[in-house]
Every structure is written in structure tokens, then in C-alpha cells.
Amino acid sequence: MEKPLPVLLDGDPGHDDAIAWMLAKASPLLDIRAVTSVCGNQTIEKTTYNAQRVCALLGIDAPVAMGKPAPLLAEPMNAPSVHGQSGLDGPVLPEPNAPLSSLRSVELMAKVLQESETPVALVPTGPLTNIAALLLAHPELKEKIKVISLMGGGITHGNWTPAAEFNILVDPEAAKIVFESGVPIVMSGLDVTERALIFPKDFERIRKVGNPVARVVADWLEFFYGFHREIGYTGAPLHDPVAVVSLIRPDLLTSKRLCVEIETQGEYCRGATIGHDRKPANALVNFDIDRDGFADLLVEAVSTYGEG
């Protein structure tokens, strides 16, 4: 068997970030080397605390570092209407069981890349602030990055504005740096993530697995669906886990290579991800997912955390 792929998890948990990390920890194909928080769904203090609690719940034994407190140039934007005032409202989680790393996010990511014998996958599921800062500070480490598998953007539409998806809109300047970096990118945007719907019947399948992680994941899904049900969704769209699916089960996805460019200046379209084929492709863009296969994968993943 091949050695697991070393990965860095970077996010702003967030219910769907947390479920993405659950999927990553459950997979024998991935080796989590570090976790970094980013300002997005909530303030950096809240997302860092949430990252620590999620790692305690899942048994992720990797250093956790606090990320940038704000986007590169813009003012911070949060999403309490979606994820609650804590950024991860819902079930009670364990308290952090390890101190934060003495390094900040960019320093920790650089250290992991420098020390890894093989190239590392970066999995950002929030705004791309930390990843852009890493690329700016350490351009010499690009060759140590195997791929950036990100959740963000949308070729056909946005969700925070008609043109822009939240993660990209929070820090379009960072996204521009990442997409223009030359590092291989897999983009899981709204085109595919809004098809990654997990229905109430799936919540119950997960809950019936019976272990503590399964119960918490089911409660996270219930909370996350509560917001989306009010705006007409039939299930919870699990955006962030698709970035992990891209690494462990790409067979579940339908993709196309495109040139993706980021709008940073527009008054109405700031944060838009424009996908086209007029220039050489810089990203593999996911457009569809085997929904049933994805639901089965989540059930299998929570089952790895023990019997009920």
C-alpha cells in the first residue's frame, strides 16, 4: 500500500469544515500533519477555538496554529447567520486537549513543507488568506505542494452575492494570488458543492452508527440544515467535505480543466470566480458528484470512530 498523502488542513470551522476534517481523519489515504485556522465564518479567536475542539473530538493529533486575524487587504466578514454566534453552534464539544502551536499558521505550514519527504496537499476550506500568505512568504516551497484542493467559488453563480461565493468574497486578493501561483489546484465550488446534499434520512443513517463522533456529526447536520431549510434547500449542502473527497474518492466527481480568474475590483462582481478556456487551464474544477456515493462515504467515515 502507498504511504498516506501528507495534508495540511486550513479552515474556519464551521459545520461543513468540521465534517470535512472528520472525513480526512477517517481516511487511511491521508496523513494530517497540521491544522491551521483562518478568519471567515467567525473571528480568528472563535475559529481557532473551534479548530482545537474539533481536533479533540476527532482525535487529530497534529499541531494547531492560529491564522491571520483578517484578510490580506479587506475588513473581516463573518457568517453568524449560517454557523451561529460561536461559529459552530449545536452539540457540546470537548474542550481543547492540547495547547496551540507556538508558531503562527504560515510558520507552521512552512515547517511542515520543509520537513516533509514528499509533497504535501493543502486543503483550505475557508478564505485563502493563510495559503496566499504562505505563497508570498515562501515561494521557494511551491514545489513541496502537491496540490491545493480548495472549497471556494462558483463558475455559474455565487451565494453571498449573485456573483461571489463566501470564501472567495472574504479575501479575493488572496484567492487571486493562489490561482495565479502555478501550484496545481482542484476547485470545489458551488457548482458541485450544492449537489453534495445530505438529506434528513442520511442524518439518521449517520446517527444510527452510534459512536460519539457519529452523534455529533448528525447534530451538526441538523443545525446546518436548519438554516438551509429556511431558504428552500431539501438537504444540507456539504460544501467543504468535497475538497477532501477530491483527494480520497475523485471517482465520485465529474470535473473539467479551466482557467479560473478572480475578480478583485468590480463594484458588483468582487469575488467572482470566472472560469473559461481562453487561456491555459490553472485548475481542475469539479462540477458534479455522485450524491449517493458521497452519503455512503460519510457513513463509512463516521463508522471508523468506533462502535456505538
C-alpha atoms as a PDB file:
ATOM      1  CA  MET A   1       0.000   0.000   0.000  1.00  0.00           C
ATOM      2  CA  GLU A   2       1.218   3.501  -0.826  1.00  0.00           C
ATOM      3  CA  LYS A   3       2.156   5.802   2.026  1.00  0.00           C
ATOM      4  CA  PRO A   4      -0.677   8.145   3.044  1.00  0.00           C
ATOM      5  CA  LEU A   5      -0.637  11.561   1.418  1.00  0.00           C
ATOM      6  CA  PRO A   6       0.524  14.227   3.890  1.00  0.00           C
ATOM      7  CA  VAL A   7      -2.057  17.007   4.210  1.00  0.00           C
ATOM      8  CA  LEU A   8      -2.436  20.392   5.870  1.00  0.00           C
ATOM      9  CA  LEU A   9      -5.993  21.282   6.891  1.00  0.00           C
ATOM     10  CA  ASP A  10      -6.769  25.014   6.837  1.00  0.00           C
ATOM     11  CA  GLY A  11     -10.261  26.230   7.670  1.00  0.00           C
ATOM     12  CA  ASP A  12     -12.723  28.328   9.652  1.00  0.00           C
ATOM     13  CA  PRO A  13     -14.882  25.647  11.317  1.00  0.00           C
ATOM     14  CA  GLY A  14     -17.862  25.887  10.610  1.00  0.00           C
ATOM     15  CA  HIS A  15     -20.063  22.794  10.456  1.00  0.00           C
ATOM     16  CA  ASP A  16     -19.022  21.714   6.977  1.00  0.00           C
ATOM     17  CA  ASP A  17     -15.307  22.341   7.705  1.00  0.00           C
ATOM     18  CA  ALA A  18     -15.619  20.128  10.772  1.00  0.00           C
ATOM     19  CA  ILE A  19     -17.267  17.357   8.747  1.00  0.00           C
ATOM     20  CA  ALA A  20     -14.532  17.707   6.104  1.00  0.00           C
ATOM     21  CA  TRP A  21     -11.914  17.202   8.825  1.00  0.00           C
ATOM     22  CA  MET A  22     -13.846  14.170  10.110  1.00  0.00           C
ATOM     23  CA  LEU A  23     -13.647  12.697   6.613  1.00  0.00           C
ATOM     24  CA  ALA A  24      -9.915  13.448   6.365  1.00  0.00           C
ATOM     25  CA  LYS A  25      -9.113  11.897   9.755  1.00  0.00           C
ATOM     26  CA  ALA A  26     -11.121   8.777   8.886  1.00  0.00           C
ATOM     27  CA  SER A  27      -9.272   8.120   5.622  1.00  0.00           C
ATOM     28  CA  PRO A  28      -6.216   5.823   5.620  1.00  0.00           C
ATOM     29  CA  LEU A  29      -5.155   7.631   2.436  1.00  0.00           C
ATOM     30  CA  LEU A  30      -4.384  10.882   4.295  1.00  0.00           C
ATOM     31  CA  ASP A  31      -1.876  11.828   6.995  1.00  0.00           C
ATOM     32  CA  ILE A  32      -2.846  15.089   8.749  1.00  0.00           C
ATOM     33  CA  ARG A  33       0.400  16.928   9.538  1.00  0.00           C
ATOM     34  CA  ALA A  34      -1.030  20.212  10.840  1.00  0.00           C
ATOM     35  CA  VAL A  35      -4.229  22.228  11.231  1.00  0.00           C
ATOM     36  CA  THR A  36      -4.467  25.998  10.785  1.00  0.00           C
ATOM     37  CA  SER A  37      -7.371  28.335  11.446  1.00  0.00           C
ATOM     38  CA  VAL A  38      -8.489  31.261   9.302  1.00  0.00           C
ATOM     39  CA  CYS A  39     -10.786  34.238   9.813  1.00  0.00           C
ATOM     40  CA  GLY A  40     -14.024  33.546   7.917  1.00  0.00           C
ATOM     41  CA  ASN A  41     -17.191  32.016   9.317  1.00  0.00           C
ATOM     42  CA  GLN A  42     -16.285  33.715  12.594  1.00  0.00           C
ATOM     43  CA  THR A  43     -13.447  35.736  14.137  1.00  0.00           C
ATOM     44  CA  ILE A  44      -9.993  34.169  14.247  1.00  0.00           C
ATOM     45  CA  GLU A  45     -10.314  33.629  18.002  1.00  0.00           C
ATOM     46  CA  LYS A  46     -13.544  31.660  17.573  1.00  0.00           C
ATOM     47  CA  THR A  47     -12.424  29.628  14.549  1.00  0.00           C
ATOM     48  CA  THR A  48      -9.162  28.741  16.319  1.00  0.00           C
ATOM     49  CA  TYR A  49     -11.018  27.570  19.431  1.00  0.00           C
ATOM     50  CA  ASN A  50     -13.393  25.592  17.217  1.00  0.00           C
ATOM     51  CA  ALA A  51     -10.454  24.017  15.369  1.00  0.00           C
ATOM     52  CA  GLN A  52      -8.973  22.888  18.676  1.00  0.00           C
ATOM     53  CA  ARG A  53     -12.293  21.429  19.851  1.00  0.00           C
ATOM     54  CA  VAL A  54     -12.876  19.588  16.564  1.00  0.00           C
ATOM     55  CA  CYS A  55      -9.369  18.108  16.768  1.00  0.00           C
ATOM     56  CA  ALA A  56     -10.068  16.969  20.347  1.00  0.00           C
ATOM     57  CA  LEU A  57     -13.330  15.321  19.272  1.00  0.00           C
ATOM     58  CA  LEU A  58     -11.813  13.558  16.260  1.00  0.00           C
ATOM     59  CA  GLY A  59      -8.504  12.587  17.837  1.00  0.00           C
ATOM     60  CA  ILE A  60      -6.467  14.609  15.348  1.00  0.00           C
ATOM     61  CA  ASP A  61      -3.007  14.521  16.917  1.00  0.00           C
ATOM     62  CA  ALA A  62      -1.397  17.326  14.938  1.00  0.00           C
ATOM     63  CA  PRO A  63      -0.273  20.835  15.855  1.00  0.00           C
ATOM     64  CA  VAL A  64      -2.934  23.553  15.568  1.00  0.00           C
ATOM     65  CA  ALA A  65      -1.850  27.095  14.708  1.00  0.00           C
ATOM     66  CA  MET A  66      -3.787  30.354  14.705  1.00  0.00           C
ATOM     67  CA  GLY A  67      -4.018  32.000  11.300  1.00  0.00           C
ATOM     68  CA  LYS A  68      -4.240  35.544  10.072  1.00  0.00           C
ATOM     69  CA  PRO A  69      -6.708  37.716  12.053  1.00  0.00           C
ATOM     70  CA  ALA A  70      -8.066  39.415   8.907  1.00  0.00           C
ATOM     71  CA  PRO A  71      -7.982  39.154   5.107  1.00  0.00           C
ATOM     72  CA  LEU A  72      -4.903  40.453   3.293  1.00  0.00           C
ATOM     73  CA  LEU A  73      -6.459  43.826   2.427  1.00  0.00           C
ATOM     74  CA  ALA A  74     -10.181  43.788   3.224  1.00  0.00           C
ATOM     75  CA  GLU A  75     -12.057  44.054   6.508  1.00  0.00           C
ATOM     76  CA  PRO A  76     -13.124  40.743   8.120  1.00  0.00           C
ATOM     77  CA  MET A  77     -16.524  39.261   7.174  1.00  0.00           C
ATOM     78  CA  ASN A  78     -18.315  36.624   9.266  1.00  0.00           C
ATOM     79  CA  ALA A  79     -21.324  34.341   8.779  1.00  0.00           C
ATOM     80  CA  PRO A  80     -23.164  34.006  12.123  1.00  0.00           C
ATOM     81  CA  SER A  81     -26.490  33.557  10.327  1.00  0.00           C
ATOM     82  CA  VAL A  82     -25.222  30.226   8.927  1.00  0.00           C
ATOM     83  CA  HIS A  83     -22.990  28.808  11.676  1.00  0.00           C
ATOM     84  CA  GLY A  84     -24.214  30.611  14.803  1.00  0.00           C
ATOM     85  CA  GLN A  85     -22.528  33.057  17.160  1.00  0.00           C
ATOM     86  CA  SER A  86     -19.824  30.554  18.124  1.00  0.00           C
ATOM     87  CA  GLY A  87     -19.150  29.664  14.505  1.00  0.00           C
ATOM     88  CA  LEU A  88     -20.006  26.063  15.378  1.00  0.00           C
ATOM     89  CA  ASP A  89     -23.318  26.136  17.247  1.00  0.00           C
ATOM     90  CA  GLY A  90     -25.122  22.911  18.092  1.00  0.00           C
ATOM     91  CA  PRO A  91     -23.820  19.940  20.090  1.00  0.00           C
ATOM     92  CA  VAL A  92     -21.490  20.345  23.053  1.00  0.00           C
ATOM     93  CA  LEU A  93     -17.880  19.612  22.067  1.00  0.00           C
ATOM     94  CA  PRO A  94     -14.898  18.588  24.192  1.00  0.00           C
ATOM     95  CA  GLU A  95     -12.552  21.330  25.311  1.00  0.00           C
ATOM     96  CA  PRO A  96      -9.138  21.594  23.620  1.00  0.00           C
ATOM     97  CA  ASN A  97      -6.793  18.852  24.855  1.00  0.00           C
ATOM     98  CA  ALA A  98      -3.535  20.385  23.587  1.00  0.00           C
ATOM     99  CA  PRO A  99      -2.130  23.919  23.563  1.00  0.00           C
ATOM    100  CA  LEU A 100      -1.925  25.960  20.395  1.00  0.00           C
ATOM    101  CA  SER A 101       1.330  25.748  18.476  1.00  0.00           C
ATOM    102  CA  SER A 102       3.816  28.484  19.363  1.00  0.00           C
ATOM    103  CA  LEU A 103       4.097  29.051  15.607  1.00  0.00           C
ATOM    104  CA  ARG A 104       1.565  31.026  13.597  1.00  0.00           C
ATOM    105  CA  SER A 105      -0.142  29.470  10.579  1.00  0.00           C
ATOM    106  CA  VAL A 106       2.358  30.433   7.872  1.00  0.00           C
ATOM    107  CA  GLU A 107       5.334  29.395  10.008  1.00  0.00           C
ATOM    108  CA  LEU A 108       3.776  26.026  10.831  1.00  0.00           C
ATOM    109  CA  MET A 109       2.783  25.317   7.231  1.00  0.00           C
ATOM    110  CA  ALA A 110       6.276  26.226   6.033  1.00  0.00           C
ATOM    111  CA  LYS A 111       7.846  23.958   8.676  1.00  0.00           C
ATOM    112  CA  VAL A 112       5.672  21.007   7.620  1.00  0.00           C
ATOM    113  CA  LEU A 113       6.508  21.550   3.946  1.00  0.00           C
ATOM    114  CA  GLN A 114      10.235  21.874   4.655  1.00  0.00           C
ATOM    115  CA  GLU A 115      10.324  18.713   6.774  1.00  0.00           C
ATOM    116  CA  SER A 116       8.148  16.510   4.558  1.00  0.00           C
ATOM    117  CA  GLU A 117       9.983  13.975   2.421  1.00  0.00           C
ATOM    118  CA  THR A 118       7.135  14.013  -0.102  1.00  0.00           C
ATOM    119  CA  PRO A 119       4.984  16.855  -1.468  1.00  0.00           C
ATOM    120  CA  VAL A 120       2.056  17.873   0.734  1.00  0.00           C
ATOM    121  CA  ALA A 121      -1.594  18.536  -0.178  1.00  0.00           C
ATOM    122  CA  LEU A 122      -3.126  21.738   1.206  1.00  0.00           C
ATOM    123  CA  VAL A 123      -6.864  21.556   1.926  1.00  0.00           C
ATOM    124  CA  PRO A 124      -8.241  25.062   2.558  1.00  0.00           C
ATOM    125  CA  THR A 125     -11.962  25.117   3.307  1.00  0.00           C
ATOM    126  CA  GLY A 126     -12.218  28.782   4.286  1.00  0.00           C
ATOM    127  CA  PRO A 127     -10.911  32.026   2.815  1.00  0.00           C
ATOM    128  CA  LEU A 128      -7.490  31.603   1.199  1.00  0.00           C
ATOM    129  CA  THR A 129      -5.693  34.177   3.384  1.00  0.00           C
ATOM    130  CA  ASN A 130      -3.211  31.786   5.027  1.00  0.00           C
ATOM    131  CA  ILE A 131      -2.423  29.960   1.781  1.00  0.00           C
ATOM    132  CA  ALA A 132      -1.716  33.213  -0.057  1.00  0.00           C
ATOM    133  CA  ALA A 133       0.434  34.442   2.825  1.00  0.00           C
ATOM    134  CA  LEU A 134       2.414  31.190   2.692  1.00  0.00           C
ATOM    135  CA  LEU A 135       2.989  31.534  -1.062  1.00  0.00           C
ATOM    136  CA  LEU A 136       4.086  35.156  -0.648  1.00  0.00           C
ATOM    137  CA  ALA A 137       6.442  34.421   2.243  1.00  0.00           C
ATOM    138  CA  HIS A 138       7.891  31.153   0.921  1.00  0.00           C
ATOM    139  CA  PRO A 139       7.771  30.977  -2.879  1.00  0.00           C
ATOM    140  CA  GLU A 140      10.671  28.519  -2.691  1.00  0.00           C
ATOM    141  CA  LEU A 141       8.316  25.940  -1.115  1.00  0.00           C
ATOM    142  CA  LYS A 142       5.854  25.788  -4.032  1.00  0.00           C
ATOM    143  CA  GLU A 143       7.490  22.605  -5.314  1.00  0.00           C
ATOM    144  CA  LYS A 144       6.757  20.958  -1.953  1.00  0.00           C
ATOM    145  CA  ILE A 145       2.996  21.473  -2.500  1.00  0.00           C
ATOM    146  CA  LYS A 146       1.470  18.549  -4.398  1.00  0.00           C
ATOM    147  CA  VAL A 147      -1.946  20.172  -4.822  1.00  0.00           C
ATOM    148  CA  ILE A 148      -4.228  22.773  -3.283  1.00  0.00           C
ATOM    149  CA  SER A 149      -7.664  21.138  -3.011  1.00  0.00           C
ATOM    150  CA  LEU A 150      -9.922  24.016  -2.026  1.00  0.00           C
ATOM    151  CA  MET A 151     -13.565  24.735  -1.406  1.00  0.00           C
ATOM    152  CA  GLY A 152     -14.432  28.106  -2.828  1.00  0.00           C
ATOM    153  CA  GLY A 153     -16.006  29.995  -5.678  1.00  0.00           C
ATOM    154  CA  GLY A 154     -18.576  29.019  -8.237  1.00  0.00           C
ATOM    155  CA  ILE A 155     -18.328  29.197 -12.002  1.00  0.00           C
ATOM    156  CA  THR A 156     -22.042  29.720 -12.635  1.00  0.00           C
ATOM    157  CA  HIS A 157     -23.181  31.638  -9.532  1.00  0.00           C
ATOM    158  CA  GLY A 158     -22.392  32.881  -6.037  1.00  0.00           C
ATOM    159  CA  ASN A 159     -24.108  32.519  -2.685  1.00  0.00           C
ATOM    160  CA  TRP A 160     -23.107  35.598  -0.657  1.00  0.00           C
ATOM    161  CA  THR A 161     -23.733  37.830  -3.668  1.00  0.00           C
ATOM    162  CA  PRO A 162     -25.153  36.792  -7.053  1.00  0.00           C
ATOM    163  CA  ALA A 163     -21.582  36.688  -8.378  1.00  0.00           C
ATOM    164  CA  ALA A 164     -19.459  35.545  -5.437  1.00  0.00           C
ATOM    165  CA  GLU A 165     -19.178  32.629  -3.038  1.00  0.00           C
ATOM    166  CA  PHE A 166     -18.390  33.465   0.615  1.00  0.00           C
ATOM    167  CA  ASN A 167     -14.848  32.042   0.945  1.00  0.00           C
ATOM    168  CA  ILE A 168     -13.593  33.909  -2.127  1.00  0.00           C
ATOM    169  CA  LEU A 169     -15.542  37.100  -1.375  1.00  0.00           C
ATOM    170  CA  VAL A 170     -13.974  37.370   2.097  1.00  0.00           C
ATOM    171  CA  ASP A 171     -10.474  37.626   0.571  1.00  0.00           C
ATOM    172  CA  PRO A 172     -10.442  37.908  -3.231  1.00  0.00           C
ATOM    173  CA  GLU A 173      -6.873  39.229  -3.220  1.00  0.00           C
ATOM    174  CA  ALA A 174      -5.702  36.050  -1.501  1.00  0.00           C
ATOM    175  CA  ALA A 175      -7.654  33.904  -3.978  1.00  0.00           C
ATOM    176  CA  LYS A 176      -6.046  35.749  -6.888  1.00  0.00           C
ATOM    177  CA  ILE A 177      -2.570  35.004  -5.517  1.00  0.00           C
ATOM    178  CA  VAL A 178      -3.419  31.317  -5.072  1.00  0.00           C
ATOM    179  CA  PHE A 179      -4.964  30.832  -8.515  1.00  0.00           C
ATOM    180  CA  GLU A 180      -2.048  32.627 -10.179  1.00  0.00           C
ATOM    181  CA  SER A 181       0.612  30.709  -8.204  1.00  0.00           C
ATOM    182  CA  GLY A 182       1.215  27.909 -10.694  1.00  0.00           C
ATOM    183  CA  VAL A 183       0.579  25.305  -7.981  1.00  0.00           C
ATOM    184  CA  PRO A 184      -1.843  22.535  -9.074  1.00  0.00           C
ATOM    185  CA  ILE A 185      -5.371  23.424  -7.906  1.00  0.00           C
ATOM    186  CA  VAL A 186      -8.552  21.403  -7.555  1.00  0.00           C
ATOM    187  CA  MET A 187     -11.520  23.735  -7.091  1.00  0.00           C
ATOM    188  CA  SER A 188     -14.724  22.510  -5.456  1.00  0.00           C
ATOM    189  CA  GLY A 189     -17.094  25.441  -5.805  1.00  0.00           C
ATOM    190  CA  LEU A 190     -20.836  25.865  -5.536  1.00  0.00           C
ATOM    191  CA  ASP A 191     -21.321  24.160  -8.909  1.00  0.00           C
ATOM    192  CA  VAL A 192     -20.556  20.820  -7.238  1.00  0.00           C
ATOM    193  CA  THR A 193     -20.989  21.507  -3.512  1.00  0.00           C
ATOM    194  CA  GLU A 194     -24.653  22.454  -3.804  1.00  0.00           C
ATOM    195  CA  ARG A 195     -25.141  18.998  -5.353  1.00  0.00           C
ATOM    196  CA  ALA A 196     -23.450  17.407  -2.314  1.00  0.00           C
ATOM    197  CA  LEU A 197     -26.759  17.398  -0.458  1.00  0.00           C
ATOM    198  CA  ILE A 198     -27.160  15.284   2.643  1.00  0.00           C
ATOM    199  CA  PHE A 199     -30.816  14.648   3.427  1.00  0.00           C
ATOM    200  CA  PRO A 200     -32.530  14.072   6.793  1.00  0.00           C
ATOM    201  CA  LYS A 201     -32.669  10.324   6.004  1.00  0.00           C
ATOM    202  CA  ASP A 202     -28.854  10.414   5.792  1.00  0.00           C
ATOM    203  CA  PHE A 203     -28.608  12.234   9.138  1.00  0.00           C
ATOM    204  CA  GLU A 204     -30.385   9.249  10.698  1.00  0.00           C
ATOM    205  CA  ARG A 205     -28.104   6.716   8.994  1.00  0.00           C
ATOM    206  CA  ILE A 206     -25.153   8.576  10.495  1.00  0.00           C
ATOM    207  CA  ARG A 207     -26.770   8.865  13.939  1.00  0.00           C
ATOM    208  CA  LYS A 208     -27.505   5.114  13.997  1.00  0.00           C
ATOM    209  CA  VAL A 209     -23.777   4.341  13.772  1.00  0.00           C
ATOM    210  CA  GLY A 210     -23.967   5.268  17.437  1.00  0.00           C
ATOM    211  CA  ASN A 211     -20.491   6.398  18.408  1.00  0.00           C
ATOM    212  CA  PRO A 212     -19.883   9.882  19.899  1.00  0.00           C
ATOM    213  CA  VAL A 213     -18.477  11.304  16.640  1.00  0.00           C
ATOM    214  CA  ALA A 214     -21.444   9.983  14.638  1.00  0.00           C
ATOM    215  CA  ARG A 215     -23.882  11.593  17.057  1.00  0.00           C
ATOM    216  CA  VAL A 216     -22.100  14.951  16.906  1.00  0.00           C
ATOM    217  CA  VAL A 217     -21.927  14.851  13.089  1.00  0.00           C
ATOM    218  CA  ALA A 218     -25.656  14.110  12.933  1.00  0.00           C
ATOM    219  CA  ASP A 219     -26.326  17.071  15.259  1.00  0.00           C
ATOM    220  CA  TRP A 220     -24.077  19.321  13.153  1.00  0.00           C
ATOM    221  CA  LEU A 221     -26.059  18.305  10.090  1.00  0.00           C
ATOM    222  CA  GLU A 222     -29.354  19.055  11.838  1.00  0.00           C
ATOM    223  CA  PHE A 223     -28.139  22.533  12.804  1.00  0.00           C
ATOM    224  CA  PHE A 224     -26.648  23.300   9.391  1.00  0.00           C
ATOM    225  CA  TYR A 225     -29.801  22.086   7.645  1.00  0.00           C
ATOM    226  CA  GLY A 226     -31.923  24.338   9.850  1.00  0.00           C
ATOM    227  CA  PHE A 227     -30.518  27.438   8.153  1.00  0.00           C
ATOM    228  CA  HIS A 228     -30.708  25.972   4.652  1.00  0.00           C
ATOM    229  CA  ARG A 229     -34.241  24.604   5.068  1.00  0.00           C
ATOM    230  CA  GLU A 230     -35.436  28.157   5.732  1.00  0.00           C
ATOM    231  CA  ILE A 231     -34.138  29.269   2.319  1.00  0.00           C
ATOM    232  CA  GLY A 232     -35.589  26.337   0.390  1.00  0.00           C
ATOM    233  CA  TYR A 233     -32.997  23.564   0.427  1.00  0.00           C
ATOM    234  CA  THR A 234     -34.149  19.937   0.688  1.00  0.00           C
ATOM    235  CA  GLY A 235     -30.949  18.910   2.470  1.00  0.00           C
ATOM    236  CA  ALA A 236     -27.716  20.266   3.902  1.00  0.00           C
ATOM    237  CA  PRO A 237     -25.223  21.201   1.158  1.00  0.00           C
ATOM    238  CA  LEU A 238     -21.896  19.917   2.488  1.00  0.00           C
ATOM    239  CA  HIS A 239     -19.554  22.288   0.704  1.00  0.00           C
ATOM    240  CA  ASP A 240     -16.220  21.749   2.434  1.00  0.00           C
ATOM    241  CA  PRO A 241     -16.078  17.938   2.527  1.00  0.00           C
ATOM    242  CA  VAL A 242     -15.959  17.898  -1.287  1.00  0.00           C
ATOM    243  CA  ALA A 243     -12.403  19.274  -1.072  1.00  0.00           C
ATOM    244  CA  VAL A 244     -11.461  16.100   0.839  1.00  0.00           C
ATOM    245  CA  VAL A 245     -13.471  13.845  -1.483  1.00  0.00           C
ATOM    246  CA  SER A 246     -11.333  15.228  -4.319  1.00  0.00           C
ATOM    247  CA  LEU A 247      -8.286  13.629  -2.698  1.00  0.00           C
ATOM    248  CA  ILE A 248      -9.717  10.314  -1.476  1.00  0.00           C
ATOM    249  CA  ARG A 249     -12.565   9.496  -3.900  1.00  0.00           C
ATOM    250  CA  PRO A 250     -12.121  11.502  -7.118  1.00  0.00           C
ATOM    251  CA  ASP A 251     -14.128   8.774  -8.868  1.00  0.00           C
ATOM    252  CA  LEU A 252     -17.261  10.295  -7.258  1.00  0.00           C
ATOM    253  CA  LEU A 253     -16.682  13.610  -9.065  1.00  0.00           C
ATOM    254  CA  THR A 254     -17.112  14.981 -12.571  1.00  0.00           C
ATOM    255  CA  SER A 255     -14.554  17.645 -13.416  1.00  0.00           C
ATOM    256  CA  LYS A 256     -13.236  19.917 -16.153  1.00  0.00           C
ATOM    257  CA  ARG A 257      -9.944  21.767 -16.545  1.00  0.00           C
ATOM    258  CA  LEU A 258     -10.433  25.537 -16.829  1.00  0.00           C
ATOM    259  CA  CYS A 259      -8.609  28.808 -16.426  1.00  0.00           C
ATOM    260  CA  VAL A 260     -10.104  30.388 -13.301  1.00  0.00           C
ATOM    261  CA  GLU A 261      -9.563  34.097 -12.739  1.00  0.00           C
ATOM    262  CA  ILE A 262     -10.613  36.133  -9.705  1.00  0.00           C
ATOM    263  CA  GLU A 263     -12.420  39.478  -9.887  1.00  0.00           C
ATOM    264  CA  THR A 264     -10.978  41.795  -7.234  1.00  0.00           C
ATOM    265  CA  GLN A 265     -12.057  45.246  -8.462  1.00  0.00           C
ATOM    266  CA  GLY A 266     -15.698  45.054  -9.510  1.00  0.00           C
ATOM    267  CA  GLU A 267     -18.279  47.035  -7.580  1.00  0.00           C
ATOM    268  CA  TYR A 268     -20.914  44.338  -8.134  1.00  0.00           C
ATOM    269  CA  CYS A 269     -18.816  41.277  -9.006  1.00  0.00           C
ATOM    270  CA  ARG A 270     -15.955  41.410  -6.494  1.00  0.00           C
ATOM    271  CA  GLY A 271     -15.001  37.879  -5.511  1.00  0.00           C
ATOM    272  CA  ALA A 272     -16.383  36.252  -8.661  1.00  0.00           C
ATOM    273  CA  THR A 273     -14.519  33.207  -9.987  1.00  0.00           C
ATOM    274  CA  ILE A 274     -14.516  33.411 -13.780  1.00  0.00           C
ATOM    275  CA  GLY A 275     -13.900  30.058 -15.475  1.00  0.00           C
ATOM    276  CA  HIS A 276     -13.045  29.906 -19.170  1.00  0.00           C
ATOM    277  CA  ASP A 277     -10.821  28.214 -21.755  1.00  0.00           C
ATOM    278  CA  ARG A 278      -9.356  31.294 -23.460  1.00  0.00           C
ATOM    279  CA  LYS A 279      -6.103  30.851 -21.509  1.00  0.00           C
ATOM    280  CA  PRO A 280      -4.222  27.749 -20.323  1.00  0.00           C
ATOM    281  CA  ALA A 281      -6.057  25.928 -17.515  1.00  0.00           C
ATOM    282  CA  ASN A 282      -4.880  26.565 -13.956  1.00  0.00           C
ATOM    283  CA  ALA A 283      -7.452  24.446 -12.101  1.00  0.00           C
ATOM    284  CA  LEU A 284      -9.364  21.200 -12.216  1.00  0.00           C
ATOM    285  CA  VAL A 285     -12.915  22.353 -11.470  1.00  0.00           C
ATOM    286  CA  ASN A 286     -15.455  19.919 -10.003  1.00  0.00           C
ATOM    287  CA  PHE A 287     -18.983  20.235 -11.383  1.00  0.00           C
ATOM    288  CA  ASP A 288     -20.916  17.155 -10.244  1.00  0.00           C
ATOM    289  CA  ILE A 289     -20.849  14.480  -7.550  1.00  0.00           C
ATOM    290  CA  ASP A 290     -22.354  11.024  -7.057  1.00  0.00           C
ATOM    291  CA  ARG A 291     -24.624  12.109  -4.205  1.00  0.00           C
ATOM    292  CA  ASP A 292     -25.490   8.608  -3.025  1.00  0.00           C
ATOM    293  CA  GLY A 293     -21.845   7.586  -3.089  1.00  0.00           C
ATOM    294  CA  PHE A 294     -20.969  10.699  -1.093  1.00  0.00           C
ATOM    295  CA  ALA A 295     -23.607   9.909   1.555  1.00  0.00           C
ATOM    296  CA  ASP A 296     -22.290   6.338   1.816  1.00  0.00           C
ATOM    297  CA  LEU A 297     -18.750   7.696   2.224  1.00  0.00           C
ATOM    298  CA  LEU A 298     -19.830   9.842   5.178  1.00  0.00           C
ATOM    299  CA  VAL A 299     -21.488   6.855   6.870  1.00  0.00           C
ATOM    300  CA  GLU A 300     -18.357   4.763   6.319  1.00  0.00           C
ATOM    301  CA  ALA A 301     -16.202   7.581   7.706  1.00  0.00           C
ATOM    302  CA  VAL A 302     -18.109   8.036  10.967  1.00  0.00           C
ATOM    303  CA  SER A 303     -18.036   4.243  11.399  1.00  0.00           C
ATOM    304  CA  THR A 304     -14.235   4.359  11.705  1.00  0.00           C
ATOM    305  CA  TYR A 305     -14.579   6.223  15.026  1.00  0.00           C
ATOM    306  CA  GLY A 306     -15.781   3.122  16.862  1.00  0.00           C
ATOM    307  CA  GLU A 307     -18.873   1.090  17.631  1.00  0.00           C
ATOM    308  CA  GLY A 308     -21.949   2.558  19.233  1.00  0.00           C
END
